[in-house]
Amino acid sequence: MKNKKEQGASLIDVVSAMMIFIISAGVVISMYYQIYVTTVKTKIHQVAIGCITDVFEKIDLESYENVTEEKVKELIKESGLNDYFNEEKNDSKVDCTVTNYKDSSEDTKLDLVKKINITVEYTVAGKTTKLPINKIKIRE
């Protein structure tokens, strides 16, 4: 015997299927977006760390007296870090500092250690990220 009241999908079935589809699609799109942002950040870190490592290797070859902020900026320019990270191109920047390390318990007249700090600042997906990397140069 057939039931005459069964005539196919009802409106509630269609609406519930559409809701499940919309929620699932939203979750999948959100996951893909997060994967994209993570991939972009990873590639940016890879480029920045590669260039900074090149700068630090060149600093290792320099004598202690030649390591100045101007010399570090010159090495940054040679490595191409300024080409990848600049304000006009992609709203990012590279800062560097060279400071003499002095411990309060030591004699302040001794100049034995310099601390070199290179910081890359960039924006991905509206969020600004800073990548600071430090190195020390010891007088030999």
Protein backbone atom coordinates (compact mmCIF):
# COMPACT_ATOMS: atom_id res chain seq x y z
CA MET A 1 0.00 0.00 0.00
CA LYS A 2 1.20 3.41 -0.90
CA ASN A 3 0.89 6.46 1.28
CA LYS A 4 -0.50 9.29 -0.82
CA LYS A 5 0.92 12.04 1.41
CA GLU A 6 4.60 11.37 0.49
CA GLN A 7 5.25 13.68 -2.47
CA GLY A 8 9.04 14.28 -2.43
CA ALA A 9 11.26 16.64 -0.46
CA SER A 10 9.57 19.11 1.76
CA LEU A 11 10.66 22.71 2.30
CA ILE A 12 12.19 21.81 5.67
CA ASP A 13 14.43 19.21 4.03
CA VAL A 14 15.69 21.73 1.47
CA VAL A 15 16.30 24.46 4.07
CA SER A 16 18.15 22.11 6.42
CA ALA A 17 20.34 20.82 3.56
CA MET A 18 21.16 24.40 2.52
CA MET A 19 22.07 25.34 6.10
CA ILE A 20 24.39 22.34 6.45
CA PHE A 21 26.02 23.19 3.11
CA ILE A 22 26.52 26.88 4.03
CA ILE A 23 28.02 26.07 7.43
CA SER A 24 30.34 23.42 5.97
CA ALA A 25 31.45 25.74 3.14
CA GLY A 26 32.17 28.51 5.65
CA VAL A 27 34.33 26.22 7.75
CA VAL A 28 36.26 24.94 4.72
CA ILE A 29 36.83 28.47 3.32
CA SER A 30 38.01 29.66 6.74
CA MET A 31 40.49 26.78 6.96
CA TYR A 32 41.84 27.51 3.47
CA TYR A 33 42.28 31.18 4.38
CA GLN A 34 44.23 30.29 7.53
CA ILE A 35 46.42 27.90 5.55
CA TYR A 36 47.09 30.66 3.00
CA VAL A 37 48.05 33.20 5.69
CA THR A 38 50.34 30.69 7.40
CA THR A 39 52.00 29.82 4.08
CA VAL A 40 52.60 33.50 3.27
CA LYS A 41 54.11 34.14 6.71
CA THR A 42 56.37 31.10 6.35
CA LYS A 43 57.65 32.30 2.98
CA ILE A 44 58.27 35.80 4.34
CA HIS A 45 60.21 34.37 7.29
CA GLN A 46 62.21 32.18 4.93
CA VAL A 47 63.28 35.17 2.81
CA ALA A 48 64.01 37.37 5.82
CA ILE A 49 66.04 34.75 7.68
CA GLY A 50 68.00 33.87 4.53
CA CYS A 51 68.98 37.50 3.91
CA ILE A 52 69.75 38.18 7.59
CA THR A 53 71.90 35.05 7.78
CA ASP A 54 73.84 36.33 4.77
CA VAL A 55 74.36 39.68 6.54
CA PHE A 56 75.51 37.96 9.75
CA GLU A 57 77.96 35.76 7.85
CA LYS A 58 79.49 38.86 6.27
CA ILE A 59 79.68 40.51 9.69
CA ASP A 60 81.63 37.49 10.95
CA LEU A 61 84.23 38.16 8.23
CA GLU A 62 84.61 41.85 9.19
CA SER A 63 87.02 43.04 11.84
CA TYR A 64 85.55 44.21 15.13
CA GLU A 65 86.34 47.88 14.52
CA ASN A 66 84.59 47.90 11.13
CA VAL A 67 81.26 46.69 12.52
CA THR A 68 79.21 49.87 12.71
CA GLU A 69 75.57 50.68 12.06
CA GLU A 70 76.47 52.16 8.67
CA LYS A 71 78.37 49.00 7.70
CA VAL A 72 75.44 46.81 8.76
CA LYS A 73 73.04 48.95 6.70
CA GLU A 74 75.36 48.60 3.73
CA LEU A 75 75.43 44.81 4.16
CA ILE A 76 71.63 44.75 4.42
CA LYS A 77 71.40 46.64 1.15
CA GLU A 78 73.88 44.24 -0.51
CA SER A 79 71.91 41.19 0.67
CA GLY A 80 68.73 42.46 -0.99
CA LEU A 81 66.72 42.64 2.22
CA ASN A 82 65.69 46.22 1.43
CA ASP A 83 64.37 45.07 -1.96
CA TYR A 84 62.00 42.60 -0.32
CA PHE A 85 60.97 44.76 2.64
CA ASN A 86 60.34 48.44 1.99
CA GLU A 87 57.61 50.93 2.86
CA GLU A 88 56.72 51.94 -0.71
CA LYS A 89 56.39 48.41 -2.06
CA ASN A 90 54.62 46.45 0.67
CA ASP A 91 54.41 48.55 3.85
CA SER A 92 57.24 46.76 5.63
CA LYS A 93 60.58 47.91 6.98
CA VAL A 94 63.97 46.80 8.20
CA ASP A 95 65.65 48.38 11.23
CA CYS A 96 69.11 47.69 12.55
CA THR A 97 71.09 48.74 15.59
CA VAL A 98 74.64 48.15 16.76
CA THR A 99 75.30 48.67 20.46
CA ASN A 100 78.28 48.01 22.68
CA TYR A 101 77.39 45.46 25.29
CA LYS A 102 78.39 46.55 28.76
CA ASP A 103 77.66 44.68 31.93
CA SER A 104 77.20 46.77 35.07
CA SER A 105 79.68 44.63 37.00
CA GLU A 106 82.45 45.02 34.40
CA ASP A 107 84.78 47.92 33.72
CA THR A 108 82.94 50.31 31.39
CA LYS A 109 86.13 51.27 29.53
CA LEU A 110 86.44 47.85 27.90
CA ASP A 111 84.88 47.51 24.47
CA LEU A 112 84.82 43.75 23.88
CA VAL A 113 81.35 42.84 22.61
CA LYS A 114 78.93 44.44 20.13
CA LYS A 115 75.31 43.43 19.85
CA ILE A 116 73.81 43.64 16.36
CA ASN A 117 70.00 43.65 16.15
CA ILE A 118 68.10 43.44 12.85
CA THR A 119 64.31 43.71 13.00
CA VAL A 120 62.01 43.07 10.05
CA GLU A 121 58.47 44.40 10.38
CA TYR A 122 55.76 43.41 7.90
CA THR A 123 51.99 43.17 7.60
CA VAL A 124 50.00 40.13 6.48
CA ALA A 125 46.19 40.00 6.55
CA GLY A 126 46.01 43.27 8.49
CA LYS A 127 48.26 42.01 11.30
CA THR A 128 51.71 43.52 11.81
CA THR A 129 54.47 41.08 12.72
CA LYS A 130 57.98 41.84 13.97
CA LEU A 131 60.84 39.42 13.40
CA PRO A 132 63.83 40.46 15.57
CA ILE A 133 67.14 38.62 15.18
CA ASN A 134 70.25 39.37 17.25
CA LYS A 135 73.93 38.57 16.92
CA ILE A 136 77.00 39.37 18.95
CA LYS A 137 80.42 40.25 17.59
CA ILE A 138 83.34 39.62 19.94
CA ARG A 139 86.66 41.38 19.73
CA GLU A 140 89.35 38.87 18.82
